[in-house]
């Protein structure tokens, strides 16, 4: 057993313990409170004066499939030869020895969503994983937590260079609709027992049509977000909006439709036309409207160890402390469908815990210790 004792514990879902204790056994939280009885022989770590909270979650990255520092050989997240590639799985391209995973731990990030890139209209299946472990299979929380699709400039740019569709926003939407209709036909054939050779891409689309997984829609501009939502409504699909740079323009609509949003990356330039009207106030505006918000560095766009700093900037621009902390933890876990295991400090959940030497959203605060599944992995 392991006991963390004396810190200011942010449970996220059950308030703050000013002088809390967390008892860990077999990688899980066994007990949490102000006073806990624990057996003789328990290892005790005194974290008095520190802030203790759940491991941070980056809800949208390319960690492990876009490797840093090794050039094109590590660029492995876009299959830029065909705009519709739903059979691709992020899990098949992740290198857990990639330097970014250690960076993640240094910033207190213990879990991430890993997505294919946004070159294709349908990019492939996203995975959710922890950032520490001896092999990928023990790190995976969800092999398929959604299907990445992309709107806006990226598919247009990639396929205009190849002189094939899509070269317009209309083309992107049309290709996605056509493939969804093809998947509907495939489903009908399968139900009638008329399918001969299985199609991996269409098999993936069946999960989308049956709401087993959501579309995870890369969309920056408000018009692109609305196109994504329109298609989701037409086909009765679950959807999460990724990036939502102009989400603040349609915040009330997103709230009314109960659409979850992953906002970011923060602290970037207006490097393409879709980001011209970006604002660091977006997360706070959306949260205030009632939208469930998580945050992303879009690593490696912004280095993953600065996820909490992005949340601090959002707080500076109007996001409440509670909303900012939830965006890094329980909201991200819920949006990714892994909240039964991570996202808050509760009995029975995985002991993924970060110890800061100050407020977690303060730029001067440092991560002192990180635990994943109750094991110290960074100090």
Protein backbone atom coordinates (compact mmCIF):
# COMPACT_ATOMS: atom_id res chain seq x y z
CA UNK A 1 0.00 0.00 0.00
CA UNK A 2 0.96 3.62 -0.54
CA UNK A 3 -0.34 6.69 1.30
CA UNK A 4 -0.06 10.28 0.12
CA UNK A 5 -0.48 12.42 3.22
CA UNK A 6 -0.92 16.08 4.02
CA UNK A 7 -1.44 17.77 0.65
CA UNK A 8 -4.20 20.05 -0.57
CA UNK A 9 -6.22 17.51 -2.54
CA UNK A 10 -8.30 18.59 -5.51
CA UNK A 11 -10.65 15.65 -6.01
CA UNK A 12 -12.37 17.54 -8.88
CA UNK A 13 -15.76 15.88 -8.32
CA UNK A 14 -16.00 15.87 -4.52
CA UNK A 15 -14.45 19.15 -3.47
CA UNK A 16 -11.08 20.10 -2.01
CA UNK A 17 -9.45 18.54 1.05
CA UNK A 18 -7.15 21.05 2.71
CA UNK A 19 -5.14 18.38 4.52
CA UNK A 20 -6.02 15.22 2.66
CA UNK A 21 -4.91 11.63 2.51
CA UNK A 22 -5.06 9.17 -0.39
CA UNK A 23 -4.57 5.45 0.19
CA UNK A 24 -3.55 3.40 -2.83
CA UNK A 25 -3.56 -0.37 -3.28
CA UNK A 26 -2.90 -2.41 -6.42
CA UNK A 27 -2.95 0.67 -8.62
CA UNK A 28 -6.36 1.87 -7.42
CA UNK A 29 -7.54 4.49 -4.93
CA UNK A 30 -8.64 2.52 -1.89
CA UNK A 31 -9.62 5.45 0.33
CA UNK A 32 -9.54 9.23 0.31
CA UNK A 33 -10.33 11.69 3.07
CA UNK A 34 -9.04 13.89 5.86
CA UNK A 35 -8.35 10.97 8.19
CA UNK A 36 -7.72 7.42 6.96
CA UNK A 37 -6.76 4.34 8.92
CA UNK A 38 -3.97 2.52 7.14
CA UNK A 39 -2.09 -0.69 7.91
CA UNK A 40 1.30 -0.88 9.53
CA UNK A 41 3.94 -1.15 6.84
CA UNK A 42 2.19 1.19 4.39
CA UNK A 43 4.64 3.39 2.50
CA UNK A 44 3.88 7.00 3.43
CA UNK A 45 4.81 9.97 1.26
CA UNK A 46 4.45 13.33 2.95
CA UNK A 47 3.11 15.93 0.50
CA UNK A 48 2.36 18.63 3.05
CA UNK A 49 2.26 22.04 1.39
CA UNK A 50 1.78 20.54 -2.06
CA UNK A 51 -1.23 20.39 -4.38
CA UNK A 52 -2.45 16.90 -5.26
CA UNK A 53 -4.85 16.28 -8.13
CA UNK A 54 -5.82 13.72 -10.77
CA UNK A 55 -3.42 13.22 -13.65
CA UNK A 56 -4.09 15.72 -16.42
CA UNK A 57 -5.69 14.52 -19.67
CA UNK A 58 -4.95 16.00 -23.07
CA UNK A 59 -8.07 15.23 -25.09
CA UNK A 60 -6.49 15.56 -28.56
CA UNK A 61 -2.88 14.85 -29.50
CA UNK A 62 -0.67 13.15 -32.07
CA UNK A 63 1.62 11.84 -29.36
CA UNK A 64 3.68 8.86 -30.45
CA UNK A 65 2.62 9.00 -34.10
CA UNK A 66 4.21 12.36 -34.87
CA UNK A 67 7.64 11.85 -33.35
CA UNK A 68 9.85 14.79 -32.53
CA UNK A 69 13.48 15.28 -33.44
CA UNK A 70 13.89 12.59 -36.10
CA UNK A 71 12.59 14.24 -39.28
CA UNK A 72 10.27 12.64 -41.81
CA UNK A 73 10.96 9.14 -40.51
CA UNK A 74 8.87 9.96 -37.45
CA UNK A 75 6.04 11.63 -39.36
CA UNK A 76 3.47 8.87 -39.29
CA UNK A 77 0.03 10.31 -38.77
CA UNK A 78 -1.41 11.23 -42.18
CA UNK A 79 -2.10 8.82 -45.04
CA UNK A 80 -2.20 11.52 -47.72
CA UNK A 81 -3.06 9.37 -50.72
CA UNK A 82 -6.79 8.79 -50.28
CA UNK A 83 -9.27 11.17 -48.59
CA UNK A 84 -11.38 8.42 -46.99
CA UNK A 85 -9.36 6.15 -44.67
CA UNK A 86 -11.60 4.97 -41.80
CA UNK A 87 -9.77 1.64 -41.50
CA UNK A 88 -6.63 3.36 -40.18
CA UNK A 89 -6.08 3.01 -36.44
CA UNK A 90 -3.91 5.37 -34.42
CA UNK A 91 -2.99 2.46 -32.16
CA UNK A 92 -1.07 0.85 -35.02
CA UNK A 93 1.26 3.85 -35.39
CA UNK A 94 2.10 4.73 -31.78
CA UNK A 95 5.71 4.52 -30.61
CA UNK A 96 5.68 4.53 -26.81
CA UNK A 97 9.43 5.28 -26.74
CA UNK A 98 8.79 8.65 -28.37
CA UNK A 99 10.26 11.57 -26.42
CA UNK A 100 6.90 13.30 -26.07
CA UNK A 101 5.63 10.75 -23.55
CA UNK A 102 8.30 11.73 -21.03
CA UNK A 103 7.50 15.38 -21.71
CA UNK A 104 3.87 14.60 -20.96
CA UNK A 105 4.76 13.14 -17.58
CA UNK A 106 6.95 16.15 -16.77
CA UNK A 107 3.83 18.29 -17.21
CA UNK A 108 1.58 16.01 -15.18
CA UNK A 109 -0.25 14.61 -18.22
CA UNK A 110 -1.03 10.96 -17.49
CA UNK A 111 -3.50 10.21 -20.30
CA UNK A 112 -4.03 11.38 -23.87
CA UNK A 113 -6.19 10.86 -26.90
CA UNK A 114 -4.04 10.05 -29.93
CA UNK A 115 -5.58 10.87 -33.31
CA UNK A 116 -4.57 10.57 -36.94
CA UNK A 117 -3.94 13.91 -38.59
CA UNK A 118 -6.43 16.11 -40.43
CA UNK A 119 -5.23 15.72 -44.03
CA UNK A 120 -8.08 13.36 -44.91
CA UNK A 121 -11.82 13.85 -44.82
CA UNK A 122 -11.94 10.63 -42.79
CA UNK A 123 -8.60 10.17 -41.09
CA UNK A 124 -9.06 7.05 -38.99
CA UNK A 125 -9.75 5.77 -35.51
CA UNK A 126 -8.49 7.55 -32.39
CA UNK A 127 -7.09 5.83 -29.30
CA UNK A 128 -6.93 6.81 -25.62
CA UNK A 129 -3.85 5.80 -23.66
CA UNK A 130 -1.84 6.47 -20.54
CA UNK A 131 1.58 8.06 -20.88
CA UNK A 132 3.48 5.51 -18.81
CA UNK A 133 3.79 1.76 -19.06
CA UNK A 134 6.08 -1.00 -20.28
CA UNK A 135 4.10 -1.79 -23.43
CA UNK A 136 1.33 -0.16 -25.43
CA UNK A 137 -1.26 -2.79 -24.66
CA UNK A 138 -1.11 -2.12 -20.91
CA UNK A 139 -1.26 1.64 -21.53
CA UNK A 140 -4.36 1.62 -23.75
CA UNK A 141 -7.64 2.77 -22.20
CA UNK A 142 -9.62 2.63 -25.44
CA UNK A 143 -8.42 1.27 -28.79
CA UNK A 144 -11.18 3.10 -30.66
CA UNK A 145 -12.71 6.14 -28.96
CA UNK A 146 -14.01 7.79 -32.10
CA UNK A 147 -13.47 8.36 -35.80
CA UNK A 148 -11.43 11.38 -36.85
CA UNK A 149 -12.96 13.47 -39.62
CA UNK A 150 -11.76 16.85 -40.87
CA UNK A 151 -13.40 19.95 -42.26
CA UNK A 152 -11.94 23.21 -43.46
CA UNK A 153 -8.60 23.97 -45.07
CA UNK A 154 -6.49 20.85 -44.47
CA UNK A 155 -8.23 18.33 -46.78
CA UNK A 156 -8.66 21.07 -49.40
CA UNK A 157 -4.95 21.90 -49.38
CA UNK A 158 -3.73 18.29 -49.47
CA UNK A 159 -5.97 17.13 -52.29
CA UNK A 160 -5.84 20.31 -54.35
CA UNK A 161 -2.10 19.61 -54.66
CA UNK A 162 -2.99 16.15 -55.98
CA UNK A 163 -5.69 17.62 -58.24
CA UNK A 164 -8.46 15.44 -56.89
CA UNK A 165 -11.47 15.94 -54.66
CA UNK A 166 -11.94 17.58 -52.25
CA UNK A 167 -10.71 21.00 -53.26
CA UNK A 168 -13.61 22.89 -51.65
CA UNK A 169 -15.58 22.74 -48.42
CA UNK A 170 -18.51 21.50 -50.49
CA UNK A 171 -16.38 18.64 -51.74
CA UNK A 172 -15.37 17.63 -48.22
CA UNK A 173 -18.98 17.50 -47.03
CA UNK A 174 -20.11 15.64 -50.14
CA UNK A 175 -17.44 12.95 -49.80
CA UNK A 176 -18.34 12.37 -46.16
CA UNK A 177 -22.06 12.14 -46.94
CA UNK A 178 -21.46 9.74 -49.82
CA UNK A 179 -19.40 7.45 -47.63
CA UNK A 180 -21.99 7.52 -44.85
CA UNK A 181 -24.66 6.52 -47.38
CA UNK A 182 -22.38 3.73 -48.60
CA UNK A 183 -22.08 2.59 -44.98
CA UNK A 184 -25.87 2.64 -44.57
CA UNK A 185 -26.20 0.40 -47.64
CA UNK A 186 -23.48 -1.90 -46.26
CA UNK A 187 -25.38 -2.15 -42.97
CA UNK A 188 -28.59 -3.14 -44.75
CA UNK A 189 -26.72 -5.77 -46.75
CA UNK A 190 -25.09 -7.11 -43.61
CA UNK A 191 -28.43 -7.35 -41.80
CA UNK A 192 -29.78 -9.36 -44.73
CA UNK A 193 -26.70 -11.59 -44.78
CA UNK A 194 -25.73 -10.35 -48.22
CA UNK A 195 -22.21 -9.12 -47.43
CA UNK A 196 -19.49 -11.17 -49.05
CA UNK A 197 -16.02 -9.76 -48.51
CA UNK A 198 -15.76 -7.65 -45.38
CA UNK A 199 -14.69 -4.03 -45.80
CA UNK A 200 -12.63 -2.73 -42.85
CA UNK A 201 -13.48 0.89 -43.56
CA UNK A 202 -17.21 0.26 -43.75
CA UNK A 203 -17.04 -1.95 -40.66
CA UNK A 204 -15.69 1.07 -38.81
CA UNK A 205 -18.46 3.26 -40.20
CA UNK A 206 -21.04 0.85 -38.78
CA UNK A 207 -19.77 1.74 -35.30
CA UNK A 208 -20.40 5.38 -36.15
CA UNK A 209 -23.88 4.78 -37.57
CA UNK A 210 -24.85 2.72 -34.51
CA UNK A 211 -23.43 5.35 -32.12
CA UNK A 212 -20.88 3.00 -30.64
CA UNK A 213 -18.28 5.70 -31.29
CA UNK A 214 -18.60 9.41 -32.12
CA UNK A 215 -17.27 11.39 -35.01
CA UNK A 216 -14.40 13.52 -33.75
CA UNK A 217 -14.62 16.44 -36.12
CA UNK A 218 -11.64 18.71 -36.75
CA UNK A 219 -13.31 22.10 -37.33
CA UNK A 220 -11.95 25.57 -36.63
CA UNK A 221 -14.33 28.05 -38.27
CA UNK A 222 -17.94 28.45 -37.15
CA UNK A 223 -19.23 27.55 -40.61
CA UNK A 224 -17.21 24.32 -40.60
CA UNK A 225 -18.53 23.45 -37.15
CA UNK A 226 -22.08 23.98 -38.38
CA UNK A 227 -21.46 21.77 -41.43
CA UNK A 228 -20.15 19.01 -39.16
CA UNK A 229 -23.20 19.29 -36.90
CA UNK A 230 -25.56 19.36 -39.87
CA UNK A 231 -24.15 16.09 -41.20
CA UNK A 232 -24.28 14.52 -37.74
CA UNK A 233 -27.96 15.44 -37.47
CA UNK A 234 -28.75 14.17 -40.97
CA UNK A 235 -27.35 10.74 -40.13
CA UNK A 236 -28.20 10.76 -36.40
CA UNK A 237 -24.58 10.48 -35.26
CA UNK A 238 -22.77 11.28 -32.04
CA UNK A 239 -20.17 13.99 -32.53
CA UNK A 240 -17.44 15.88 -30.67
CA UNK A 241 -16.00 19.09 -32.10
CA UNK A 242 -12.20 19.24 -32.06
CA UNK A 243 -10.39 22.64 -31.91
CA UNK A 244 -13.53 24.86 -32.20
CA UNK A 245 -11.45 27.99 -32.72
CA UNK A 246 -14.57 30.04 -33.54
CA UNK A 247 -16.80 28.10 -31.18
CA UNK A 248 -17.35 31.26 -29.15
CA UNK A 249 -19.43 32.62 -32.05
CA UNK A 250 -21.99 29.80 -31.70
CA UNK A 251 -21.60 28.98 -28.01
CA UNK A 252 -25.32 29.06 -27.21
CA UNK A 253 -26.14 26.79 -30.15
CA UNK A 254 -23.51 24.26 -29.07
CA UNK A 255 -24.91 24.33 -25.54
CA UNK A 256 -28.50 23.84 -26.72
CA UNK A 257 -27.43 20.86 -28.85
CA UNK A 258 -25.37 19.46 -25.95
CA UNK A 259 -22.25 19.21 -28.10
CA UNK A 260 -18.97 18.56 -26.28
CA UNK A 261 -15.93 20.46 -27.48
CA UNK A 262 -12.17 20.00 -27.26
CA UNK A 263 -10.65 23.48 -27.54
CA UNK A 264 -7.14 24.36 -28.62
CA UNK A 265 -4.28 24.45 -29.13
CA UNK A 266 -3.66 27.63 -27.09
CA UNK A 267 -0.87 30.14 -27.44
CA UNK A 268 -0.39 29.72 -31.19
CA UNK A 269 -0.14 32.26 -34.00
CA UNK A 270 -2.67 32.87 -36.77
CA UNK A 271 -0.62 30.54 -38.96
CA UNK A 272 -3.53 29.77 -41.31
CA UNK A 273 -6.67 31.58 -42.36
CA UNK A 274 -8.92 29.44 -40.15
CA UNK A 275 -7.20 30.85 -37.06
CA UNK A 276 -7.60 34.50 -38.01
CA UNK A 277 -10.29 35.09 -35.38
CA UNK A 278 -8.88 32.85 -32.66
CA UNK A 279 -9.29 33.88 -29.02
CA UNK A 280 -7.87 32.56 -25.75
CA UNK A 281 -11.25 33.42 -24.22
CA UNK A 282 -12.99 30.66 -26.22
CA UNK A 283 -12.84 27.92 -23.52
CA UNK A 284 -14.31 30.21 -20.90
CA UNK A 285 -17.06 31.53 -23.17
CA UNK A 286 -18.10 27.98 -24.08
CA UNK A 287 -18.01 26.74 -20.51
CA UNK A 288 -20.03 29.72 -19.29
CA UNK A 289 -22.66 28.93 -21.96
CA UNK A 290 -22.97 25.39 -20.60
CA UNK A 291 -20.82 23.52 -23.12
CA UNK A 292 -18.72 20.62 -21.80
CA UNK A 293 -15.16 21.70 -22.57
CA UNK A 294 -11.87 19.83 -22.59
CA UNK A 295 -8.52 21.26 -23.69
CA UNK A 296 -5.79 20.21 -26.10
CA UNK A 297 -2.23 21.16 -26.93
CA UNK A 298 -2.64 19.31 -30.26
CA UNK A 299 0.87 18.05 -29.49
CA UNK A 300 3.30 18.55 -31.15
CA UNK A 301 1.72 21.88 -32.22
CA UNK A 302 2.15 23.04 -28.62
CA UNK A 303 4.43 20.86 -26.46
CA UNK A 304 2.26 18.66 -24.28
CA UNK A 305 3.99 19.63 -21.03
CA UNK A 306 2.34 23.05 -21.30
CA UNK A 307 -1.25 21.78 -21.20
CA UNK A 308 -1.84 23.25 -17.75
CA UNK A 309 -0.35 26.58 -18.82
CA UNK A 310 -2.91 26.78 -21.62
CA UNK A 311 -5.62 26.27 -19.01
CA UNK A 312 -4.07 29.04 -16.94
CA UNK A 313 -4.24 31.38 -19.95
CA UNK A 314 -7.89 30.45 -20.45
CA UNK A 315 -8.51 31.28 -16.79
CA UNK A 316 -6.76 34.63 -17.22
CA UNK A 317 -9.17 35.31 -20.10
CA UNK A 318 -12.31 34.57 -18.09
CA UNK A 319 -12.62 30.83 -17.55
CA UNK A 320 -13.36 29.96 -13.93
CA UNK A 321 -10.85 27.92 -11.94
CA UNK A 322 -13.36 25.12 -11.52
CA UNK A 323 -14.11 24.97 -15.26
CA UNK A 324 -10.41 25.07 -16.14
CA UNK A 325 -9.52 22.23 -13.78
CA UNK A 326 -12.47 20.14 -14.97
CA UNK A 327 -11.45 20.74 -18.60
CA UNK A 328 -8.09 19.11 -17.82
CA UNK A 329 -9.57 16.17 -15.92
CA UNK A 330 -13.14 14.90 -15.59
CA UNK A 331 -14.53 16.67 -18.68
CA UNK A 332 -11.77 15.23 -20.84
CA UNK A 333 -12.33 11.77 -19.36
CA UNK A 334 -16.07 11.95 -20.03
CA UNK A 335 -15.62 13.22 -23.59
CA UNK A 336 -13.20 10.35 -24.24
CA UNK A 337 -15.44 7.76 -22.57
CA UNK A 338 -12.92 6.74 -19.90
CA UNK A 339 -14.32 8.53 -16.85
CA UNK A 340 -15.01 5.28 -15.00
CA UNK A 341 -11.26 4.90 -14.61
CA UNK A 342 -9.67 8.35 -14.66
CA UNK A 343 -10.45 12.06 -14.42
CA UNK A 344 -11.05 12.51 -10.70
CA UNK A 345 -9.78 11.28 -7.35
CA UNK A 346 -12.43 8.81 -6.20
CA UNK A 347 -12.42 5.43 -4.53
CA UNK A 348 -12.09 2.66 -7.12
CA UNK A 349 -10.53 4.80 -9.83
CA UNK A 350 -7.01 4.36 -11.16
CA UNK A 351 -4.38 5.99 -8.97
CA UNK A 352 -3.18 8.44 -11.64
CA UNK A 353 -2.08 11.36 -9.50
CA UNK A 354 0.04 14.50 -9.87
CA UNK A 355 1.76 16.45 -7.10
CA UNK A 356 2.47 20.13 -7.83
CA UNK A 357 4.52 22.45 -5.65
CA UNK A 358 1.98 25.22 -6.21
CA UNK A 359 -1.31 25.93 -7.91
CA UNK A 360 -1.54 23.64 -10.96
CA UNK A 361 -2.50 26.47 -13.33
CA UNK A 362 0.27 28.81 -12.22
CA UNK A 363 3.18 29.09 -14.66
CA UNK A 364 5.73 29.01 -11.82
CA UNK A 365 4.41 25.75 -10.37
CA UNK A 366 6.35 22.58 -11.06
CA UNK A 367 5.33 18.97 -11.15
CA UNK A 368 7.16 17.18 -8.34
CA UNK A 369 5.73 13.68 -8.57
CA UNK A 370 3.54 11.71 -10.96
CA UNK A 371 1.89 8.38 -10.26
CA UNK A 372 0.28 6.17 -12.89
CA UNK A 373 -1.61 3.14 -11.65
CA UNK A 374 -0.17 3.89 -8.22
CA UNK A 375 3.42 3.65 -9.42
CA UNK A 376 5.72 6.64 -9.24
CA UNK A 377 6.80 7.37 -12.82
CA UNK A 378 8.18 10.90 -12.54
CA UNK A 379 9.93 12.75 -9.75
